[in-house]
């Protein structure tokens, strides 16, 4: 019984370190993890510089192997720390952790695949949990809902902009076609109108006549409306669909791996398993 209790307590502590960025030890681990990931990405970048790699190849290779082994140990530890390992292995972060670990091993067999270790950059997505930015994922969900709710208005607006660009492009072709200014066809002139109206302004085509420049100035001023109107439409819908912020923690359920629980929650909202308790 004591052995079982000790083992349970050990797994609980391991889970706290690996999955809970709200605890002091969890914060330390996750910050060290992020620094290690950044160091690994930096090593890959430096290795791509032939002169640097030629001089420090052994150092870079040994450092990469050390980081790979550390990540492998961490991956195995994460599997051990949860009740249902398959849940973690098939989860979003589980797949990313695996993809960030195997490239170095694969490079032994397949030459040239070592650069895939840059996939470790994906692990930086854990910063959303560490800095408690998960709550803003809910805001992005509201943004998607607002886009869907206003899609009819946006489609009508975009259709109007396309029609305006076709008309203005045709007009500019008539005004500038004989001036050797780059308006060689209506499609090319429409392209110029789109670039100008969206305030991109590559500058590869430009009007030279006074009338053409006057029309271009009007299009540039209209470009501000092109940016402002859809923003206002979506903002209006977001105001309607906005909800009160819910404070969430980084606690991951040891049973189903669900995240973004409310602060001080005792049970998992998904499976009902006990949170912040022994496994």
C-alpha atoms as a PDB file:
ATOM      1  CA  UNK A   1       0.000   0.000   0.000  1.00  0.00           C
ATOM      2  CA  UNK A   2       2.852   2.352   0.880  1.00  0.00           C
ATOM      3  CA  UNK A   3       4.632   1.486  -2.367  1.00  0.00           C
ATOM      4  CA  UNK A   4       1.471   2.298  -4.339  1.00  0.00           C
ATOM      5  CA  UNK A   5       1.040   5.571  -2.470  1.00  0.00           C
ATOM      6  CA  UNK A   6       4.678   6.505  -3.105  1.00  0.00           C
ATOM      7  CA  UNK A   7       4.353   5.691  -6.790  1.00  0.00           C
ATOM      8  CA  UNK A   8       1.125   7.705  -7.036  1.00  0.00           C
ATOM      9  CA  UNK A   9       2.709  10.671  -5.290  1.00  0.00           C
ATOM     10  CA  UNK A  10       5.724  10.449  -7.604  1.00  0.00           C
ATOM     11  CA  UNK A  11       3.545  10.444 -10.723  1.00  0.00           C
ATOM     12  CA  UNK A  12       1.509  13.322  -9.344  1.00  0.00           C
ATOM     13  CA  UNK A  13       4.671  15.380  -8.785  1.00  0.00           C
ATOM     14  CA  UNK A  14       5.888  14.536 -12.292  1.00  0.00           C
ATOM     15  CA  UNK A  15       2.541  15.591 -13.748  1.00  0.00           C
ATOM     16  CA  UNK A  16       2.715  18.853 -11.802  1.00  0.00           C
ATOM     17  CA  UNK A  17       6.145  19.633 -13.238  1.00  0.00           C
ATOM     18  CA  UNK A  18       5.375  18.711 -16.838  1.00  0.00           C
ATOM     19  CA  UNK A  19       1.785  19.841 -17.297  1.00  0.00           C
ATOM     20  CA  UNK A  20       1.035  22.604 -14.790  1.00  0.00           C
ATOM     21  CA  UNK A  21       2.683  25.933 -15.586  1.00  0.00           C
ATOM     22  CA  UNK A  22       0.787  27.624 -12.752  1.00  0.00           C
ATOM     23  CA  UNK A  23       2.871  25.965 -10.047  1.00  0.00           C
ATOM     24  CA  UNK A  24       6.316  27.400  -9.153  1.00  0.00           C
ATOM     25  CA  UNK A  25       8.180  24.263 -10.213  1.00  0.00           C
ATOM     26  CA  UNK A  26       6.029  23.994 -13.339  1.00  0.00           C
ATOM     27  CA  UNK A  27       6.883  27.562 -14.328  1.00  0.00           C
ATOM     28  CA  UNK A  28      10.596  26.912 -13.872  1.00  0.00           C
ATOM     29  CA  UNK A  29      10.459  23.730 -15.954  1.00  0.00           C
ATOM     30  CA  UNK A  30       8.485  25.326 -18.772  1.00  0.00           C
ATOM     31  CA  UNK A  31      10.729  28.380 -18.944  1.00  0.00           C
ATOM     32  CA  UNK A  32      13.810  26.123 -19.063  1.00  0.00           C
ATOM     33  CA  UNK A  33      12.052  24.115 -21.781  1.00  0.00           C
ATOM     34  CA  UNK A  34      11.404  27.230 -23.865  1.00  0.00           C
ATOM     35  CA  UNK A  35      15.009  28.375 -23.493  1.00  0.00           C
ATOM     36  CA  UNK A  36      16.205  24.921 -24.586  1.00  0.00           C
ATOM     37  CA  UNK A  37      13.918  24.989 -27.617  1.00  0.00           C
ATOM     38  CA  UNK A  38      15.193  28.437 -28.603  1.00  0.00           C
ATOM     39  CA  UNK A  39      18.779  27.238 -28.165  1.00  0.00           C
ATOM     40  CA  UNK A  40      18.070  24.250 -30.378  1.00  0.00           C
ATOM     41  CA  UNK A  41      16.577  26.439 -33.112  1.00  0.00           C
ATOM     42  CA  UNK A  42      19.582  28.769 -32.886  1.00  0.00           C
ATOM     43  CA  UNK A  43      21.945  25.807 -33.313  1.00  0.00           C
ATOM     44  CA  UNK A  44      20.091  24.694 -36.446  1.00  0.00           C
ATOM     45  CA  UNK A  45      20.281  28.219 -37.860  1.00  0.00           C
ATOM     46  CA  UNK A  46      24.011  28.470 -37.156  1.00  0.00           C
ATOM     47  CA  UNK A  47      24.619  25.061 -38.685  1.00  0.00           C
ATOM     48  CA  UNK A  48      23.103  26.300 -41.952  1.00  0.00           C
ATOM     49  CA  UNK A  49      25.938  28.870 -42.167  1.00  0.00           C
ATOM     50  CA  UNK A  50      28.641  26.849 -43.918  1.00  0.00           C
ATOM     51  CA  UNK A  51      31.598  28.838 -42.551  1.00  0.00           C
ATOM     52  CA  UNK A  52      30.333  28.570 -38.962  1.00  0.00           C
ATOM     53  CA  UNK A  53      29.446  24.888 -39.335  1.00  0.00           C
ATOM     54  CA  UNK A  54      32.874  24.088 -40.744  1.00  0.00           C
ATOM     55  CA  UNK A  55      34.557  25.649 -37.732  1.00  0.00           C
ATOM     56  CA  UNK A  56      32.249  24.421 -34.964  1.00  0.00           C
ATOM     57  CA  UNK A  57      30.650  21.308 -36.487  1.00  0.00           C
ATOM     58  CA  UNK A  58      31.532  18.973 -33.615  1.00  0.00           C
ATOM     59  CA  UNK A  59      30.218  21.398 -30.999  1.00  0.00           C
ATOM     60  CA  UNK A  60      26.955  21.910 -32.891  1.00  0.00           C
ATOM     61  CA  UNK A  61      26.466  18.180 -33.426  1.00  0.00           C
ATOM     62  CA  UNK A  62      27.136  17.255 -29.792  1.00  0.00           C
ATOM     63  CA  UNK A  63      24.864  20.060 -28.561  1.00  0.00           C
ATOM     64  CA  UNK A  64      22.070  18.875 -30.836  1.00  0.00           C
ATOM     65  CA  UNK A  65      22.396  15.306 -29.572  1.00  0.00           C
ATOM     66  CA  UNK A  66      22.272  16.484 -25.956  1.00  0.00           C
ATOM     67  CA  UNK A  67      19.105  18.479 -26.624  1.00  0.00           C
ATOM     68  CA  UNK A  68      17.554  15.583 -28.561  1.00  0.00           C
ATOM     69  CA  UNK A  69      18.207  13.169 -25.704  1.00  0.00           C
ATOM     70  CA  UNK A  70      16.740  15.641 -23.194  1.00  0.00           C
ATOM     71  CA  UNK A  71      13.628  16.026 -25.334  1.00  0.00           C
ATOM     72  CA  UNK A  72      13.364  12.235 -25.649  1.00  0.00           C
ATOM     73  CA  UNK A  73      13.484  11.850 -21.868  1.00  0.00           C
ATOM     74  CA  UNK A  74      10.874  14.577 -21.489  1.00  0.00           C
ATOM     75  CA  UNK A  75       8.596  12.889 -24.060  1.00  0.00           C
ATOM     76  CA  UNK A  76       8.792   9.563 -22.225  1.00  0.00           C
ATOM     77  CA  UNK A  77       8.211  11.308 -18.875  1.00  0.00           C
ATOM     78  CA  UNK A  78       5.061  12.968 -20.247  1.00  0.00           C
ATOM     79  CA  UNK A  79       3.733   9.568 -21.295  1.00  0.00           C
ATOM     80  CA  UNK A  80       4.418   8.111 -17.829  1.00  0.00           C
ATOM     81  CA  UNK A  81       2.830  11.064 -15.979  1.00  0.00           C
ATOM     82  CA  UNK A  82      -0.692  10.594 -17.377  1.00  0.00           C
ATOM     83  CA  UNK A  83      -3.302   7.922 -16.803  1.00  0.00           C
ATOM     84  CA  UNK A  84      -3.984   7.409 -20.497  1.00  0.00           C
ATOM     85  CA  UNK A  85      -0.700   7.690 -22.435  1.00  0.00           C
ATOM     86  CA  UNK A  86      -2.424   7.309 -25.800  1.00  0.00           C
ATOM     87  CA  UNK A  87      -4.360  10.509 -25.118  1.00  0.00           C
ATOM     88  CA  UNK A  88      -1.118  12.452 -24.880  1.00  0.00           C
ATOM     89  CA  UNK A  89       0.585  10.644 -27.776  1.00  0.00           C
ATOM     90  CA  UNK A  90      -2.292  11.455 -30.151  1.00  0.00           C
ATOM     91  CA  UNK A  91      -2.907  14.965 -28.798  1.00  0.00           C
ATOM     92  CA  UNK A  92      -1.835  18.123 -30.647  1.00  0.00           C
ATOM     93  CA  UNK A  93       1.105  18.810 -28.330  1.00  0.00           C
ATOM     94  CA  UNK A  94       2.007  15.123 -28.198  1.00  0.00           C
ATOM     95  CA  UNK A  95       2.402  14.946 -31.975  1.00  0.00           C
ATOM     96  CA  UNK A  96       4.457  18.155 -31.996  1.00  0.00           C
ATOM     97  CA  UNK A  97       6.710  16.808 -29.220  1.00  0.00           C
ATOM     98  CA  UNK A  98       7.302  13.627 -31.213  1.00  0.00           C
ATOM     99  CA  UNK A  99       7.986  15.477 -34.468  1.00  0.00           C
ATOM    100  CA  UNK A 100      10.477  17.731 -32.697  1.00  0.00           C
ATOM    101  CA  UNK A 101      12.372  14.744 -31.299  1.00  0.00           C
ATOM    102  CA  UNK A 102      12.709  12.225 -34.137  1.00  0.00           C
ATOM    103  CA  UNK A 103      14.478  14.284 -36.888  1.00  0.00           C
ATOM    104  CA  UNK A 104      17.913  13.908 -35.291  1.00  0.00           C
ATOM    105  CA  UNK A 105      17.477  10.129 -35.105  1.00  0.00           C
ATOM    106  CA  UNK A 106      16.179  10.021 -38.682  1.00  0.00           C
ATOM    107  CA  UNK A 107      19.226  11.997 -39.860  1.00  0.00           C
ATOM    108  CA  UNK A 108      21.392   8.981 -38.977  1.00  0.00           C
ATOM    109  CA  UNK A 109      19.632   6.975 -41.696  1.00  0.00           C
ATOM    110  CA  UNK A 110      18.601   9.666 -44.169  1.00  0.00           C
ATOM    111  CA  UNK A 111      21.267  12.244 -44.927  1.00  0.00           C
ATOM    112  CA  UNK A 112      19.941  15.777 -45.256  1.00  0.00           C
ATOM    113  CA  UNK A 113      16.898  15.318 -43.015  1.00  0.00           C
ATOM    114  CA  UNK A 114      18.685  16.924 -40.061  1.00  0.00           C
ATOM    115  CA  UNK A 115      17.258  20.327 -40.972  1.00  0.00           C
ATOM    116  CA  UNK A 116      13.847  18.994 -39.949  1.00  0.00           C
ATOM    117  CA  UNK A 117      14.813  19.667 -36.331  1.00  0.00           C
ATOM    118  CA  UNK A 118      13.630  23.192 -37.085  1.00  0.00           C
ATOM    119  CA  UNK A 119      10.194  21.689 -36.416  1.00  0.00           C
ATOM    120  CA  UNK A 120      11.035  22.279 -32.771  1.00  0.00           C
ATOM    121  CA  UNK A 121       9.909  25.835 -33.331  1.00  0.00           C
ATOM    122  CA  UNK A 122       6.380  24.432 -33.171  1.00  0.00           C
ATOM    123  CA  UNK A 123       6.979  23.591 -29.534  1.00  0.00           C
ATOM    124  CA  UNK A 124       7.102  27.295 -28.800  1.00  0.00           C
ATOM    125  CA  UNK A 125       3.318  27.147 -29.040  1.00  0.00           C
ATOM    126  CA  UNK A 126       3.463  25.970 -25.445  1.00  0.00           C
ATOM    127  CA  UNK A 127       4.038  29.597 -24.534  1.00  0.00           C
ATOM    128  CA  UNK A 128       0.261  30.005 -24.896  1.00  0.00           C
ATOM    129  CA  UNK A 129      -0.113  27.824 -21.814  1.00  0.00           C
ATOM    130  CA  UNK A 130       2.868  29.122 -19.869  1.00  0.00           C
ATOM    131  CA  UNK A 131       1.888  32.772 -20.151  1.00  0.00           C
ATOM    132  CA  UNK A 132      -1.789  31.925 -19.652  1.00  0.00           C
ATOM    133  CA  UNK A 133      -2.698  33.135 -23.124  1.00  0.00           C
ATOM    134  CA  UNK A 134      -5.130  30.260 -23.575  1.00  0.00           C
ATOM    135  CA  UNK A 135      -7.984  32.599 -22.691  1.00  0.00           C
ATOM    136  CA  UNK A 136      -7.294  34.534 -25.892  1.00  0.00           C
ATOM    137  CA  UNK A 137      -7.929  31.401 -27.916  1.00  0.00           C
ATOM    138  CA  UNK A 138     -11.533  31.890 -26.870  1.00  0.00           C
ATOM    139  CA  UNK A 139     -11.339  35.427 -28.248  1.00  0.00           C
ATOM    140  CA  UNK A 140     -10.091  34.059 -31.567  1.00  0.00           C
ATOM    141  CA  UNK A 141     -13.119  31.756 -31.557  1.00  0.00           C
ATOM    142  CA  UNK A 142     -15.341  34.808 -31.148  1.00  0.00           C
ATOM    143  CA  UNK A 143     -13.519  36.419 -34.061  1.00  0.00           C
ATOM    144  CA  UNK A 144     -14.259  33.402 -36.264  1.00  0.00           C
ATOM    145  CA  UNK A 145     -17.920  33.561 -35.250  1.00  0.00           C
ATOM    146  CA  UNK A 146     -17.988  37.271 -36.091  1.00  0.00           C
ATOM    147  CA  UNK A 147     -16.485  36.572 -39.524  1.00  0.00           C
ATOM    148  CA  UNK A 148     -19.114  33.939 -40.213  1.00  0.00           C
ATOM    149  CA  UNK A 149     -21.924  36.218 -39.074  1.00  0.00           C
ATOM    150  CA  UNK A 150     -20.720  39.073 -41.271  1.00  0.00           C
ATOM    151  CA  UNK A 151     -19.659  37.012 -44.292  1.00  0.00           C
ATOM    152  CA  UNK A 152     -22.651  38.150 -46.384  1.00  0.00           C
ATOM    153  CA  UNK A 153     -21.819  41.817 -45.823  1.00  0.00           C
ATOM    154  CA  UNK A 154     -18.141  41.200 -46.488  1.00  0.00           C
ATOM    155  CA  UNK A 155     -18.888  39.308 -49.726  1.00  0.00           C
ATOM    156  CA  UNK A 156     -21.100  42.179 -50.937  1.00  0.00           C
ATOM    157  CA  UNK A 157     -18.370  44.695 -50.044  1.00  0.00           C
ATOM    158  CA  UNK A 158     -15.609  42.693 -51.770  1.00  0.00           C
ATOM    159  CA  UNK A 159     -17.793  42.289 -54.861  1.00  0.00           C
ATOM    160  CA  UNK A 160     -18.304  46.066 -54.922  1.00  0.00           C
ATOM    161  CA  UNK A 161     -14.535  46.644 -54.600  1.00  0.00           C
ATOM    162  CA  UNK A 162     -13.839  44.233 -57.483  1.00  0.00           C
ATOM    163  CA  UNK A 163     -16.357  46.049 -59.692  1.00  0.00           C
ATOM    164  CA  UNK A 164     -14.801  49.416 -58.786  1.00  0.00           C
ATOM    165  CA  UNK A 165     -11.330  48.082 -59.622  1.00  0.00           C
ATOM    166  CA  UNK A 166     -12.506  46.827 -63.017  1.00  0.00           C
ATOM    167  CA  UNK A 167     -14.121  50.177 -63.824  1.00  0.00           C
ATOM    168  CA  UNK A 168     -11.177  52.250 -62.612  1.00  0.00           C
ATOM    169  CA  UNK A 169      -8.684  49.939 -64.328  1.00  0.00           C
ATOM    170  CA  UNK A 170     -10.550  50.319 -67.602  1.00  0.00           C
ATOM    171  CA  UNK A 171     -10.648  54.102 -67.208  1.00  0.00           C
ATOM    172  CA  UNK A 172      -6.922  54.232 -66.470  1.00  0.00           C
ATOM    173  CA  UNK A 173      -6.235  52.108 -69.555  1.00  0.00           C
ATOM    174  CA  UNK A 174      -8.124  54.588 -71.698  1.00  0.00           C
ATOM    175  CA  UNK A 175      -6.257  57.513 -70.131  1.00  0.00           C
ATOM    176  CA  UNK A 176      -2.730  56.038 -70.001  1.00  0.00           C
ATOM    177  CA  UNK A 177      -2.540  53.401 -72.745  1.00  0.00           C
ATOM    178  CA  UNK A 178      -0.765  55.700 -75.231  1.00  0.00           C
ATOM    179  CA  UNK A 179       1.672  57.191 -72.724  1.00  0.00           C
ATOM    180  CA  UNK A 180       4.107  54.265 -72.400  1.00  0.00           C
ATOM    181  CA  UNK A 181       3.477  54.238 -68.624  1.00  0.00           C
ATOM    182  CA  UNK A 182       2.893  50.499 -68.211  1.00  0.00           C
ATOM    183  CA  UNK A 183      -0.884  50.378 -68.751  1.00  0.00           C
ATOM    184  CA  UNK A 184      -0.568  48.012 -71.699  1.00  0.00           C
ATOM    185  CA  UNK A 185      -3.873  46.170 -71.240  1.00  0.00           C
ATOM    186  CA  UNK A 186      -7.076  46.308 -69.213  1.00  0.00           C
ATOM    187  CA  UNK A 187      -6.134  43.314 -66.997  1.00  0.00           C
ATOM    188  CA  UNK A 188      -2.795  44.995 -66.206  1.00  0.00           C
ATOM    189  CA  UNK A 189      -4.604  48.240 -65.464  1.00  0.00           C
ATOM    190  CA  UNK A 190      -7.061  46.415 -63.192  1.00  0.00           C
ATOM    191  CA  UNK A 191      -4.065  44.893 -61.406  1.00  0.00           C
ATOM    192  CA  UNK A 192      -2.715  48.430 -60.856  1.00  0.00           C
ATOM    193  CA  UNK A 193      -6.101  49.568 -59.522  1.00  0.00           C
ATOM    194  CA  UNK A 194      -6.184  46.693 -57.011  1.00  0.00           C
ATOM    195  CA  UNK A 195      -2.624  47.378 -55.848  1.00  0.00           C
ATOM    196  CA  UNK A 196      -3.381  51.085 -55.463  1.00  0.00           C
ATOM    197  CA  UNK A 197      -6.791  50.687 -53.826  1.00  0.00           C
ATOM    198  CA  UNK A 198      -5.426  48.286 -51.218  1.00  0.00           C
ATOM    199  CA  UNK A 199      -2.614  50.792 -50.490  1.00  0.00           C
ATOM    200  CA  UNK A 200       0.052  48.209 -51.358  1.00  0.00           C
ATOM    201  CA  UNK A 201       1.616  50.374 -54.056  1.00  0.00           C
ATOM    202  CA  UNK A 202       4.403  48.330 -55.663  1.00  0.00           C
ATOM    203  CA  UNK A 203       5.284  51.243 -57.964  1.00  0.00           C
ATOM    204  CA  UNK A 204       6.008  49.065 -61.000  1.00  0.00           C
ATOM    205  CA  UNK A 205       3.227  50.905 -62.876  1.00  0.00           C
ATOM    206  CA  UNK A 206       2.496  54.599 -62.432  1.00  0.00           C
ATOM    207  CA  UNK A 207       0.403  57.152 -64.342  1.00  0.00           C
ATOM    208  CA  UNK A 208       2.194  60.022 -66.051  1.00  0.00           C
ATOM    209  CA  UNK A 209      -0.688  62.223 -67.241  1.00  0.00           C
ATOM    210  CA  UNK A 210      -2.316  64.806 -65.015  1.00  0.00           C
ATOM    211  CA  UNK A 211      -5.726  63.148 -65.358  1.00  0.00           C
ATOM    212  CA  UNK A 212      -4.269  59.739 -64.581  1.00  0.00           C
ATOM    213  CA  UNK A 213      -2.521  61.046 -61.481  1.00  0.00           C
ATOM    214  CA  UNK A 214      -5.738  62.735 -60.357  1.00  0.00           C
ATOM    215  CA  UNK A 215      -7.647  59.451 -60.687  1.00  0.00           C
ATOM    216  CA  UNK A 216      -4.826  57.656 -58.861  1.00  0.00           C
ATOM    217  CA  UNK A 217      -5.066  60.143 -55.973  1.00  0.00           C
ATOM    218  CA  UNK A 218      -8.817  59.477 -55.660  1.00  0.00           C
ATOM    219  CA  UNK A 219      -8.185  55.719 -55.628  1.00  0.00           C
ATOM    220  CA  UNK A 220      -5.561  56.127 -52.903  1.00  0.00           C
ATOM    221  CA  UNK A 221      -7.984  58.051 -50.713  1.00  0.00           C
ATOM    222  CA  UNK A 222     -10.656  55.398 -51.317  1.00  0.00           C
ATOM    223  CA  UNK A 223      -8.133  52.828 -50.142  1.00  0.00           C
ATOM    224  CA  UNK A 224      -8.570  53.972 -46.538  1.00  0.00           C
ATOM    225  CA  UNK A 225     -12.240  53.063 -46.778  1.00  0.00           C
ATOM    226  CA  UNK A 226     -11.357  49.634 -48.131  1.00  0.00           C
ATOM    227  CA  UNK A 227      -9.443  48.946 -44.905  1.00  0.00           C
ATOM    228  CA  UNK A 228     -11.882  50.614 -42.503  1.00  0.00           C
ATOM    229  CA  UNK A 229     -15.238  49.276 -43.710  1.00  0.00           C
ATOM    230  CA  UNK A 230     -14.659  45.489 -43.306  1.00  0.00           C
ATOM    231  CA  UNK A 231     -12.926  46.165 -39.986  1.00  0.00           C
ATOM    232  CA  UNK A 232     -16.014  48.016 -38.787  1.00  0.00           C
ATOM    233  CA  UNK A 233     -18.309  45.224 -39.972  1.00  0.00           C
ATOM    234  CA  UNK A 234     -16.369  42.523 -38.104  1.00  0.00           C
ATOM    235  CA  UNK A 235     -15.929  44.713 -35.003  1.00  0.00           C
ATOM    236  CA  UNK A 236     -19.676  45.262 -34.852  1.00  0.00           C
ATOM    237  CA  UNK A 237     -20.330  41.524 -34.976  1.00  0.00           C
ATOM    238  CA  UNK A 238     -17.654  40.847 -32.344  1.00  0.00           C
ATOM    239  CA  UNK A 239     -19.370  43.309 -30.017  1.00  0.00           C
ATOM    240  CA  UNK A 240     -22.572  41.310 -30.377  1.00  0.00           C
ATOM    241  CA  UNK A 241     -20.924  37.946 -29.788  1.00  0.00           C
ATOM    242  CA  UNK A 242     -18.461  39.005 -27.078  1.00  0.00           C
ATOM    243  CA  UNK A 243     -18.622  37.226 -23.743  1.00  0.00           C
ATOM    244  CA  UNK A 244     -17.157  37.873 -20.328  1.00  0.00           C
ATOM    245  CA  UNK A 245     -13.584  36.701 -19.942  1.00  0.00           C
ATOM    246  CA  UNK A 246     -13.223  33.467 -18.028  1.00  0.00           C
ATOM    247  CA  UNK A 247     -10.040  33.118 -16.002  1.00  0.00           C
ATOM    248  CA  UNK A 248      -8.353  29.852 -16.892  1.00  0.00           C
ATOM    249  CA  UNK A 249      -5.392  27.943 -15.540  1.00  0.00           C
ATOM    250  CA  UNK A 250      -2.806  25.797 -17.299  1.00  0.00           C
ATOM    251  CA  UNK A 251      -3.913  22.697 -15.398  1.00  0.00           C
ATOM    252  CA  UNK A 252      -4.103  19.699 -17.735  1.00  0.00           C
ATOM    253  CA  UNK A 253      -6.379  16.836 -16.756  1.00  0.00           C
ATOM    254  CA  UNK A 254      -4.229  13.769 -15.993  1.00  0.00           C
ATOM    255  CA  UNK A 255      -6.997  11.549 -17.357  1.00  0.00           C
ATOM    256  CA  UNK A 256      -8.157  13.062 -20.662  1.00  0.00           C
ATOM    257  CA  UNK A 257      -5.500  15.781 -21.205  1.00  0.00           C
ATOM    258  CA  UNK A 258      -8.142  18.534 -21.452  1.00  0.00           C
ATOM    259  CA  UNK A 259      -6.791  22.028 -20.791  1.00  0.00           C
ATOM    260  CA  UNK A 260      -8.060  25.585 -20.136  1.00  0.00           C
ATOM    261  CA  UNK A 261      -9.905  24.769 -16.911  1.00  0.00           C
ATOM    262  CA  UNK A 262     -11.248  27.607 -14.820  1.00  0.00           C
ATOM    263  CA  UNK A 263      -9.059  28.819 -11.999  1.00  0.00           C
ATOM    264  CA  UNK A 264      -9.618  26.815  -8.789  1.00  0.00           C
ATOM    265  CA  UNK A 265     -11.587  24.139 -10.670  1.00  0.00           C
ATOM    266  CA  UNK A 266     -11.639  20.845  -8.771  1.00  0.00           C
ATOM    267  CA  UNK A 267     -12.947  18.604 -11.548  1.00  0.00           C
ATOM    268  CA  UNK A 268     -12.267  18.300 -15.269  1.00  0.00           C
ATOM    269  CA  UNK A 269     -15.016  19.914 -17.342  1.00  0.00           C
ATOM    270  CA  UNK A 270     -14.664  17.173 -19.957  1.00  0.00           C
ATOM    271  CA  UNK A 271     -14.350  13.843 -18.129  1.00  0.00           C
ATOM    272  CA  UNK A 272     -15.109  14.798 -14.519  1.00  0.00           C
ATOM    273  CA  UNK A 273     -11.798  13.490 -13.164  1.00  0.00           C
ATOM    274  CA  UNK A 274     -10.314  15.171 -10.084  1.00  0.00           C
ATOM    275  CA  UNK A 275      -7.886  18.042 -10.757  1.00  0.00           C
ATOM    276  CA  UNK A 276      -5.007  19.144  -8.519  1.00  0.00           C
ATOM    277  CA  UNK A 277      -5.153  15.845  -6.714  1.00  0.00           C
ATOM    278  CA  UNK A 278      -3.194  12.622  -6.651  1.00  0.00           C
ATOM    279  CA  UNK A 279      -3.465  10.402  -9.700  1.00  0.00           C
END
